[in-house]
C-alpha atoms as a PDB file:
ATOM      1  CA  MET A   1     107.627 103.640  88.130  1.00  0.00           C
ATOM      2  CA  PRO A   2     110.065 101.132  89.660  1.00  0.00           C
ATOM      3  CA  LEU A   3     109.213 100.119  93.204  1.00  0.00           C
ATOM      4  CA  LEU A   4     111.967  99.312  95.677  1.00  0.00           C
ATOM      5  CA  SER A   5     111.182  96.734  98.305  1.00  0.00           C
ATOM      6  CA  ARG A   6     114.628  96.071  99.718  1.00  0.00           C
ATOM      7  CA  ASN A   7     116.038  96.149 103.211  1.00  0.00           C
ATOM      8  CA  ALA A   8     118.015  99.114 104.549  1.00  0.00           C
ATOM      9  CA  GLU A   9     121.338  97.652 103.396  1.00  0.00           C
ATOM     10  CA  GLY A  10     120.264  97.400  99.767  1.00  0.00           C
ATOM     11  CA  ASP A  11     118.258 100.606  99.448  1.00  0.00           C
ATOM     12  CA  TRP A  12     120.849 102.914  97.964  1.00  0.00           C
ATOM     13  CA  SER A  13     122.472 100.371  95.651  1.00  0.00           C
ATOM     14  CA  GLU A  14     119.063  99.355  94.317  1.00  0.00           C
ATOM     15  CA  ALA A  15     118.002 103.009  93.990  1.00  0.00           C
ATOM     16  CA  ARG A  16     121.127 103.747  91.941  1.00  0.00           C
ATOM     17  CA  ARG A  17     120.273 100.870  89.602  1.00  0.00           C
ATOM     18  CA  VAL A  18     116.662 101.850  88.908  1.00  0.00           C
ATOM     19  CA  LEU A  19     117.121 105.641  88.775  1.00  0.00           C
ATOM     20  CA  SER A  20     118.041 105.331  85.112  1.00  0.00           C
ATOM     21  CA  GLU A  21     114.447 104.201  84.478  1.00  0.00           C
ATOM     22  CA  GLY A  22     112.887 107.389  85.903  1.00  0.00           C
ATOM     23  CA  PRO A  23     111.236 108.196  89.236  1.00  0.00           C
ATOM     24  CA  VAL A  24     111.600 105.627  92.014  1.00  0.00           C
ATOM     25  CA  ALA A  25     109.281 104.674  94.874  1.00  0.00           C
ATOM     26  CA  ALA A  26     110.330 102.779  98.004  1.00  0.00           C
ATOM     27  CA  ALA A  27     107.685 101.018 100.044  1.00  0.00           C
ATOM     28  CA  CYS A  28     109.419 100.922 103.422  1.00  0.00           C
ATOM     29  CA  SER A  29     108.313 100.004 106.864  1.00  0.00           C
ATOM     30  CA  GLY A  30     109.180 101.828 110.029  1.00  0.00           C
ATOM     31  CA  PHE A  31     112.644 103.150 110.857  1.00  0.00           C
ATOM     32  CA  HIS A  32     111.477 106.762 111.043  1.00  0.00           C
ATOM     33  CA  HIS A  33     112.561 107.176 114.679  1.00  0.00           C
ATOM     34  CA  ALA A  34     116.231 106.283 114.076  1.00  0.00           C
ATOM     35  CA  GLU A  35     118.308 109.455 114.118  1.00  0.00           C
ATOM     36  CA  TYR A  36     121.654 110.204 112.491  1.00  0.00           C
ATOM     37  CA  ALA A  37     123.789 109.286 115.511  1.00  0.00           C
ATOM     38  CA  HIS A  38     121.707 106.631 117.293  1.00  0.00           C
ATOM     39  CA  ALA A  39     118.776 104.247 117.252  1.00  0.00           C
ATOM     40  CA  SER A  40     115.512 105.361 118.802  1.00  0.00           C
ATOM     41  CA  GLY A  41     111.941 104.147 119.322  1.00  0.00           C
ATOM     42  CA  TYR A  42     112.714 100.526 118.324  1.00  0.00           C
ATOM     43  CA  CYS A  43     114.176 101.775 115.014  1.00  0.00           C
ATOM     44  CA  THR A  44     117.802 100.813 114.467  1.00  0.00           C
ATOM     45  CA  PHE A  45     118.601 102.382 111.088  1.00  0.00           C
ATOM     46  CA  ASN A  46     116.803 104.980 108.974  1.00  0.00           C
ATOM     47  CA  GLY A  47     117.686 103.424 105.608  1.00  0.00           C
ATOM     48  CA  LEU A  48     115.327 105.594 103.584  1.00  0.00           C
ATOM     49  CA  MET A  49     116.964 108.817 104.803  1.00  0.00           C
ATOM     50  CA  VAL A  50     120.469 107.396 104.400  1.00  0.00           C
ATOM     51  CA  THR A  51     119.559 106.477 100.827  1.00  0.00           C
ATOM     52  CA  ALA A  52     118.234 109.990 100.174  1.00  0.00           C
ATOM     53  CA  LEU A  53     121.402 111.592 101.609  1.00  0.00           C
ATOM     54  CA  VAL A  54     123.724 109.303  99.637  1.00  0.00           C
ATOM     55  CA  LEU A  55     121.903 109.889  96.340  1.00  0.00           C
ATOM     56  CA  CYS A  56     121.868 113.664  96.952  1.00  0.00           C
ATOM     57  CA  ALA A  57     125.578 113.724  97.844  1.00  0.00           C
ATOM     58  CA  GLU A  58     126.425 111.740  94.712  1.00  0.00           C
ATOM     59  CA  GLY A  59     124.426 114.167  92.572  1.00  0.00           C
ATOM     60  CA  ARG A  60     122.158 111.377  91.318  1.00  0.00           C
ATOM     61  CA  VAL A  61     119.027 113.211  92.499  1.00  0.00           C
ATOM     62  CA  ARG A  62     118.165 116.860  93.088  1.00  0.00           C
ATOM     63  CA  ARG A  63     114.757 116.358  94.670  1.00  0.00           C
ATOM     64  CA  VAL A  64     113.476 113.726  97.080  1.00  0.00           C
ATOM     65  CA  ALA A  65     109.976 113.409  98.527  1.00  0.00           C
ATOM     66  CA  ILE A  66     109.264 111.231 101.537  1.00  0.00           C
ATOM     67  CA  LEU A  67     105.654 110.459 102.418  1.00  0.00           C
ATOM     68  CA  ASP A  68     105.403 109.082 105.935  1.00  0.00           C
ATOM     69  CA  PHE A  69     101.988 107.530 106.591  1.00  0.00           C
ATOM     70  CA  ASP A  70     102.792 106.099 110.005  1.00  0.00           C
ATOM     71  CA  GLN A  71     100.378 106.903 112.801  1.00  0.00           C
ATOM     72  CA  HIS A  72     102.732 109.346 114.511  1.00  0.00           C
ATOM     73  CA  TYR A  73     105.637 111.754 114.098  1.00  0.00           C
ATOM     74  CA  GLY A  74     108.884 110.416 112.563  1.00  0.00           C
ATOM     75  CA  ASP A  75     111.305 112.430 114.673  1.00  0.00           C
ATOM     76  CA  GLY A  76     114.415 110.659 113.326  1.00  0.00           C
ATOM     77  CA  THR A  77     113.509 111.362 109.709  1.00  0.00           C
ATOM     78  CA  ASP A  78     112.784 114.977 110.618  1.00  0.00           C
ATOM     79  CA  GLU A  79     116.192 115.327 112.331  1.00  0.00           C
ATOM     80  CA  ILE A  80     118.118 113.777 109.422  1.00  0.00           C
ATOM     81  CA  GLU A  81     116.201 115.833 106.835  1.00  0.00           C
ATOM     82  CA  LYS A  82     118.012 118.961 108.003  1.00  0.00           C
ATOM     83  CA  MET A  83     121.299 117.440 106.741  1.00  0.00           C
ATOM     84  CA  ALA A  84     120.159 117.001 103.127  1.00  0.00           C
ATOM     85  CA  ASP A  85     122.038 118.940 100.478  1.00  0.00           C
ATOM     86  CA  CYS A  86     119.182 118.845  97.975  1.00  0.00           C
ATOM     87  CA  ASP A  87     115.477 119.663  97.877  1.00  0.00           C
ATOM     88  CA  LEU A  88     113.909 117.213 100.290  1.00  0.00           C
ATOM     89  CA  LEU A  89     110.191 117.272 100.994  1.00  0.00           C
ATOM     90  CA  LEU A  90     109.024 115.395 104.080  1.00  0.00           C
ATOM     91  CA  TYR A  91     105.275 114.920 104.453  1.00  0.00           C
ATOM     92  CA  GLN A  92     104.155 113.252 107.677  1.00  0.00           C
ATOM     93  CA  ALA A  93     100.517 112.221 107.469  1.00  0.00           C
ATOM     94  CA  GLY A  94     100.182 110.433 110.816  1.00  0.00           C
ATOM     95  CA  ARG A  95      96.964 111.118 112.636  1.00  0.00           C
ATOM     96  CA  LEU A  96      98.236 110.961 116.234  1.00  0.00           C
ATOM     97  CA  ALA A  97     100.123 113.934 117.629  1.00  0.00           C
ATOM     98  CA  HIS A  98     103.536 113.328 119.201  1.00  0.00           C
ATOM     99  CA  PRO A  99     104.664 115.529 122.097  1.00  0.00           C
ATOM    100  CA  ASP A 100     107.854 116.473 120.191  1.00  0.00           C
ATOM    101  CA  ALA A 101     106.172 117.065 116.832  1.00  0.00           C
ATOM    102  CA  PRO A 102     106.550 120.583 115.437  1.00  0.00           C
ATOM    103  CA  SER A 103     103.442 122.690 115.975  1.00  0.00           C
ATOM    104  CA  ASP A 104     101.378 123.925 113.039  1.00  0.00           C
ATOM    105  CA  ALA A 105     100.565 127.106 114.983  1.00  0.00           C
END
């Protein structure tokens, strides 16, 4: 499986290139607080979600899974996920609760 390790600017162009080889994984750091319209929580740009939205809009992918292993809730990723026009699975495995995190109750 190809592994992307690019910055936010190169994510979607690199993803387009390697998609022909099969599934793609992107080892990214941070950025999960940046929302669609503005930066938040020290995160300026949510490149992983922009890449997912671009690839979905172009019809290059039908399903995207994002595994977020940060220690807390990625509110920006959660907000942008609602805009996806494809099957997008967001799994947030952080161990610390965030006051704005959706409740499991």
